[in-house]
Amino acid sequence: KRGEASRELLAYLVDRVRVGAGEEQVYGTQFETVDGHFVPSPIADEAHVDRRRREVGLEPLSEYRLQLEALTTASAGE
């Protein structure tokens, strides 16, 4: 609220802390790999995650997953 951090970074921090504490994340920023595929860690009220992501300036969850997969593919090719 004081403008000390961006909304996007705060969303990542909130999710990281919640996942680390064994709780469901809010914004769907934290993923794990399962059988070589990115899967989001459990998300609270997943049906509305894209609305929450939009409110903090993040892209839809499906787009974010594609970006993660593209980064991994690019890194594997190096």
N, C-alpha and C. Protein backbone atom coordinates (compact mmCIF):
# COMPACT_ATOMS: atom_id res chain seq x y z
N LYS A 1 0.82 -1.20 0.00
CA LYS A 1 0.00 0.00 0.00
C LYS A 1 0.86 1.26 0.00
N ARG A 2 2.08 1.16 0.54
CA ARG A 2 2.95 2.34 0.58
C ARG A 2 3.79 2.44 -0.68
N GLY A 3 3.62 1.49 -1.60
CA GLY A 3 4.36 1.56 -2.85
C GLY A 3 5.81 1.11 -2.74
N GLU A 4 6.13 0.36 -1.72
CA GLU A 4 7.50 -0.09 -1.51
C GLU A 4 7.86 -1.30 -2.36
N ALA A 5 6.85 -2.00 -2.86
CA ALA A 5 7.08 -3.16 -3.72
C ALA A 5 5.96 -3.21 -4.75
N SER A 6 6.26 -3.79 -5.89
CA SER A 6 5.22 -3.89 -6.92
C SER A 6 4.20 -4.95 -6.50
N ARG A 7 3.00 -4.82 -7.02
CA ARG A 7 1.95 -5.79 -6.73
C ARG A 7 2.36 -7.18 -7.21
N GLU A 8 3.04 -7.22 -8.37
CA GLU A 8 3.46 -8.50 -8.94
C GLU A 8 4.44 -9.22 -8.01
N LEU A 9 5.44 -8.48 -7.54
CA LEU A 9 6.44 -9.09 -6.65
C LEU A 9 5.83 -9.51 -5.32
N LEU A 10 4.89 -8.73 -4.82
CA LEU A 10 4.21 -9.08 -3.58
C LEU A 10 3.42 -10.38 -3.76
N ALA A 11 2.80 -10.56 -4.93
CA ALA A 11 2.06 -11.79 -5.20
C ALA A 11 3.00 -13.00 -5.16
N TYR A 12 4.17 -12.87 -5.78
CA TYR A 12 5.15 -13.95 -5.75
C TYR A 12 5.59 -14.25 -4.31
N LEU A 13 5.82 -13.21 -3.52
CA LEU A 13 6.24 -13.39 -2.14
C LEU A 13 5.16 -14.07 -1.31
N VAL A 14 3.93 -13.61 -1.45
CA VAL A 14 2.81 -14.21 -0.70
C VAL A 14 2.73 -15.70 -1.02
N ASP A 15 2.77 -16.04 -2.30
CA ASP A 15 2.66 -17.44 -2.68
C ASP A 15 3.84 -18.25 -2.17
N ARG A 16 5.03 -17.72 -2.28
CA ARG A 16 6.22 -18.46 -1.84
C ARG A 16 6.16 -18.76 -0.35
N VAL A 17 5.76 -17.78 0.42
CA VAL A 17 5.66 -17.96 1.88
C VAL A 17 4.57 -18.98 2.21
N ARG A 18 3.43 -18.86 1.55
CA ARG A 18 2.31 -19.79 1.82
C ARG A 18 2.69 -21.22 1.45
N VAL A 19 3.28 -21.40 0.27
CA VAL A 19 3.67 -22.75 -0.14
C VAL A 19 4.73 -23.30 0.81
N GLY A 20 5.67 -22.47 1.21
CA GLY A 20 6.70 -22.90 2.16
C GLY A 20 6.12 -23.31 3.51
N ALA A 21 4.99 -22.72 3.85
CA ALA A 21 4.33 -23.04 5.12
C ALA A 21 3.34 -24.19 4.98
N GLY A 22 3.27 -24.77 3.77
CA GLY A 22 2.35 -25.88 3.54
C GLY A 22 0.93 -25.46 3.28
N GLU A 23 0.72 -24.19 2.95
CA GLU A 23 -0.62 -23.68 2.67
C GLU A 23 -0.84 -23.54 1.17
N GLU A 24 -2.08 -23.39 0.75
CA GLU A 24 -2.39 -23.16 -0.65
C GLU A 24 -1.96 -21.75 -1.04
N GLN A 25 -1.45 -21.63 -2.24
CA GLN A 25 -1.07 -20.31 -2.73
C GLN A 25 -2.30 -19.54 -3.21
N VAL A 26 -2.15 -18.23 -3.40
CA VAL A 26 -3.25 -17.35 -3.77
C VAL A 26 -3.21 -17.02 -5.26
N TYR A 27 -2.02 -16.77 -5.80
CA TYR A 27 -1.90 -16.23 -7.16
C TYR A 27 -1.38 -17.24 -8.19
N GLY A 28 -1.02 -18.42 -7.77
CA GLY A 28 -0.56 -19.43 -8.72
C GLY A 28 0.80 -19.15 -9.32
N THR A 29 1.71 -18.58 -8.53
CA THR A 29 3.03 -18.27 -9.05
C THR A 29 4.05 -19.37 -8.80
N GLN A 30 3.73 -20.32 -7.93
CA GLN A 30 4.68 -21.35 -7.55
C GLN A 30 4.31 -22.68 -8.21
N PHE A 31 5.27 -23.24 -8.94
CA PHE A 31 5.07 -24.49 -9.66
C PHE A 31 6.06 -25.52 -9.19
N GLU A 32 5.74 -26.76 -9.44
CA GLU A 32 6.67 -27.86 -9.23
C GLU A 32 6.66 -28.70 -10.50
N THR A 33 7.66 -29.53 -10.66
CA THR A 33 7.68 -30.40 -11.83
C THR A 33 7.21 -31.79 -11.43
N VAL A 34 6.32 -32.33 -12.23
CA VAL A 34 5.80 -33.67 -12.04
C VAL A 34 5.92 -34.39 -13.37
N ASP A 35 6.72 -35.43 -13.38
CA ASP A 35 6.95 -36.19 -14.62
C ASP A 35 7.39 -35.28 -15.77
N GLY A 36 8.24 -34.31 -15.44
CA GLY A 36 8.78 -33.42 -16.46
C GLY A 36 7.86 -32.30 -16.90
N HIS A 37 6.72 -32.13 -16.24
CA HIS A 37 5.77 -31.07 -16.60
C HIS A 37 5.57 -30.13 -15.43
N PHE A 38 5.37 -28.86 -15.74
CA PHE A 38 5.10 -27.88 -14.69
C PHE A 38 3.66 -27.98 -14.23
N VAL A 39 3.50 -28.09 -12.91
CA VAL A 39 2.18 -28.17 -12.30
C VAL A 39 2.16 -27.16 -11.16
N PRO A 40 1.13 -26.31 -11.10
CA PRO A 40 1.10 -25.35 -10.01
C PRO A 40 0.93 -26.05 -8.66
N SER A 41 1.62 -25.54 -7.66
CA SER A 41 1.36 -26.00 -6.30
C SER A 41 -0.10 -25.68 -6.00
N PRO A 42 -0.73 -26.38 -5.06
CA PRO A 42 -2.16 -26.17 -4.79
C PRO A 42 -2.52 -24.69 -4.64
N ILE A 43 -3.65 -24.33 -5.25
CA ILE A 43 -4.11 -22.94 -5.28
C ILE A 43 -5.45 -22.84 -4.57
N ALA A 44 -5.57 -21.89 -3.66
CA ALA A 44 -6.84 -21.63 -2.99
C ALA A 44 -7.82 -21.03 -4.00
N ASP A 45 -9.03 -21.51 -4.02
CA ASP A 45 -10.08 -20.99 -4.92
C ASP A 45 -9.54 -20.85 -6.34
N GLU A 46 -9.07 -21.97 -6.88
CA GLU A 46 -8.42 -21.97 -8.19
C GLU A 46 -9.34 -21.45 -9.31
N ALA A 47 -10.64 -21.59 -9.15
CA ALA A 47 -11.57 -21.12 -10.17
C ALA A 47 -11.45 -19.62 -10.41
N HIS A 48 -10.97 -18.88 -9.43
CA HIS A 48 -10.88 -17.42 -9.55
C HIS A 48 -9.45 -16.90 -9.58
N VAL A 49 -8.48 -17.81 -9.78
CA VAL A 49 -7.08 -17.39 -9.72
C VAL A 49 -6.74 -16.37 -10.81
N ASP A 50 -7.29 -16.52 -12.01
CA ASP A 50 -6.95 -15.57 -13.07
C ASP A 50 -7.48 -14.17 -12.75
N ARG A 51 -8.58 -14.06 -12.06
CA ARG A 51 -9.08 -12.73 -11.65
C ARG A 51 -8.10 -12.10 -10.66
N ARG A 52 -7.66 -12.89 -9.69
CA ARG A 52 -6.69 -12.36 -8.71
C ARG A 52 -5.39 -12.00 -9.39
N ARG A 53 -4.94 -12.83 -10.33
CA ARG A 53 -3.70 -12.53 -11.06
C ARG A 53 -3.85 -11.21 -11.83
N ARG A 54 -4.96 -11.04 -12.49
CA ARG A 54 -5.20 -9.81 -13.26
C ARG A 54 -5.17 -8.58 -12.35
N GLU A 55 -5.75 -8.71 -11.16
CA GLU A 55 -5.80 -7.59 -10.21
C GLU A 55 -4.43 -7.10 -9.78
N VAL A 56 -3.43 -7.99 -9.82
CA VAL A 56 -2.08 -7.59 -9.42
C VAL A 56 -1.14 -7.41 -10.61
N GLY A 57 -1.68 -7.51 -11.81
CA GLY A 57 -0.88 -7.26 -13.01
C GLY A 57 -0.19 -8.48 -13.59
N LEU A 58 -0.63 -9.67 -13.23
CA LEU A 58 -0.04 -10.90 -13.76
C LEU A 58 -0.87 -11.44 -14.92
N GLU A 59 -0.20 -12.16 -15.83
CA GLU A 59 -0.89 -12.78 -16.94
C GLU A 59 -1.70 -13.98 -16.45
N PRO A 60 -2.63 -14.48 -17.28
CA PRO A 60 -3.39 -15.66 -16.88
C PRO A 60 -2.47 -16.84 -16.57
N LEU A 61 -2.92 -17.71 -15.71
CA LEU A 61 -2.13 -18.85 -15.27
C LEU A 61 -1.68 -19.71 -16.45
N SER A 62 -2.54 -19.92 -17.42
CA SER A 62 -2.18 -20.75 -18.58
C SER A 62 -1.02 -20.15 -19.36
N GLU A 63 -1.00 -18.83 -19.50
CA GLU A 63 0.10 -18.16 -20.20
C GLU A 63 1.40 -18.26 -19.40
N TYR A 64 1.29 -18.12 -18.10
CA TYR A 64 2.47 -18.21 -17.23
C TYR A 64 3.09 -19.61 -17.33
N ARG A 65 2.25 -20.64 -17.33
CA ARG A 65 2.75 -22.00 -17.45
C ARG A 65 3.49 -22.19 -18.78
N LEU A 66 2.94 -21.65 -19.87
CA LEU A 66 3.61 -21.74 -21.17
C LEU A 66 4.97 -21.05 -21.14
N GLN A 67 5.05 -19.90 -20.47
CA GLN A 67 6.32 -19.19 -20.36
C GLN A 67 7.35 -20.02 -19.59
N LEU A 68 6.92 -20.66 -18.51
CA LEU A 68 7.83 -21.51 -17.74
C LEU A 68 8.33 -22.67 -18.59
N GLU A 69 7.44 -23.29 -19.32
CA GLU A 69 7.82 -24.42 -20.17
C GLU A 69 8.77 -23.96 -21.27
N ALA A 70 8.53 -22.79 -21.84
CA ALA A 70 9.42 -22.27 -22.90
C ALA A 70 10.81 -21.99 -22.35
N LEU A 71 10.89 -21.44 -21.14
CA LEU A 71 12.19 -21.18 -20.51
C LEU A 71 12.94 -22.47 -20.26
N THR A 72 12.25 -23.48 -19.81
CA THR A 72 12.88 -24.76 -19.54
C THR A 72 13.36 -25.41 -20.82
N THR A 73 12.57 -25.33 -21.86
CA THR A 73 12.95 -25.89 -23.15
C THR A 73 14.17 -25.16 -23.70
N ALA A 74 14.19 -23.84 -23.58
CA ALA A 74 15.32 -23.05 -24.05
C ALA A 74 16.57 -23.38 -23.26
N SER A 75 16.45 -23.56 -21.94
CA SER A 75 17.60 -23.88 -21.11
C SER A 75 18.14 -25.27 -21.42
N ALA A 76 17.25 -26.18 -21.73
CA ALA A 76 17.68 -27.55 -22.03
C ALA A 76 18.45 -27.61 -23.35
N GLY A 77 18.18 -26.66 -24.25
CA GLY A 77 18.84 -26.65 -25.54
C GLY A 77 20.21 -26.00 -25.53
N GLU A 78 20.58 -25.41 -24.41
CA GLU A 78 21.88 -24.70 -24.34
C GLU A 78 23.04 -25.65 -24.21
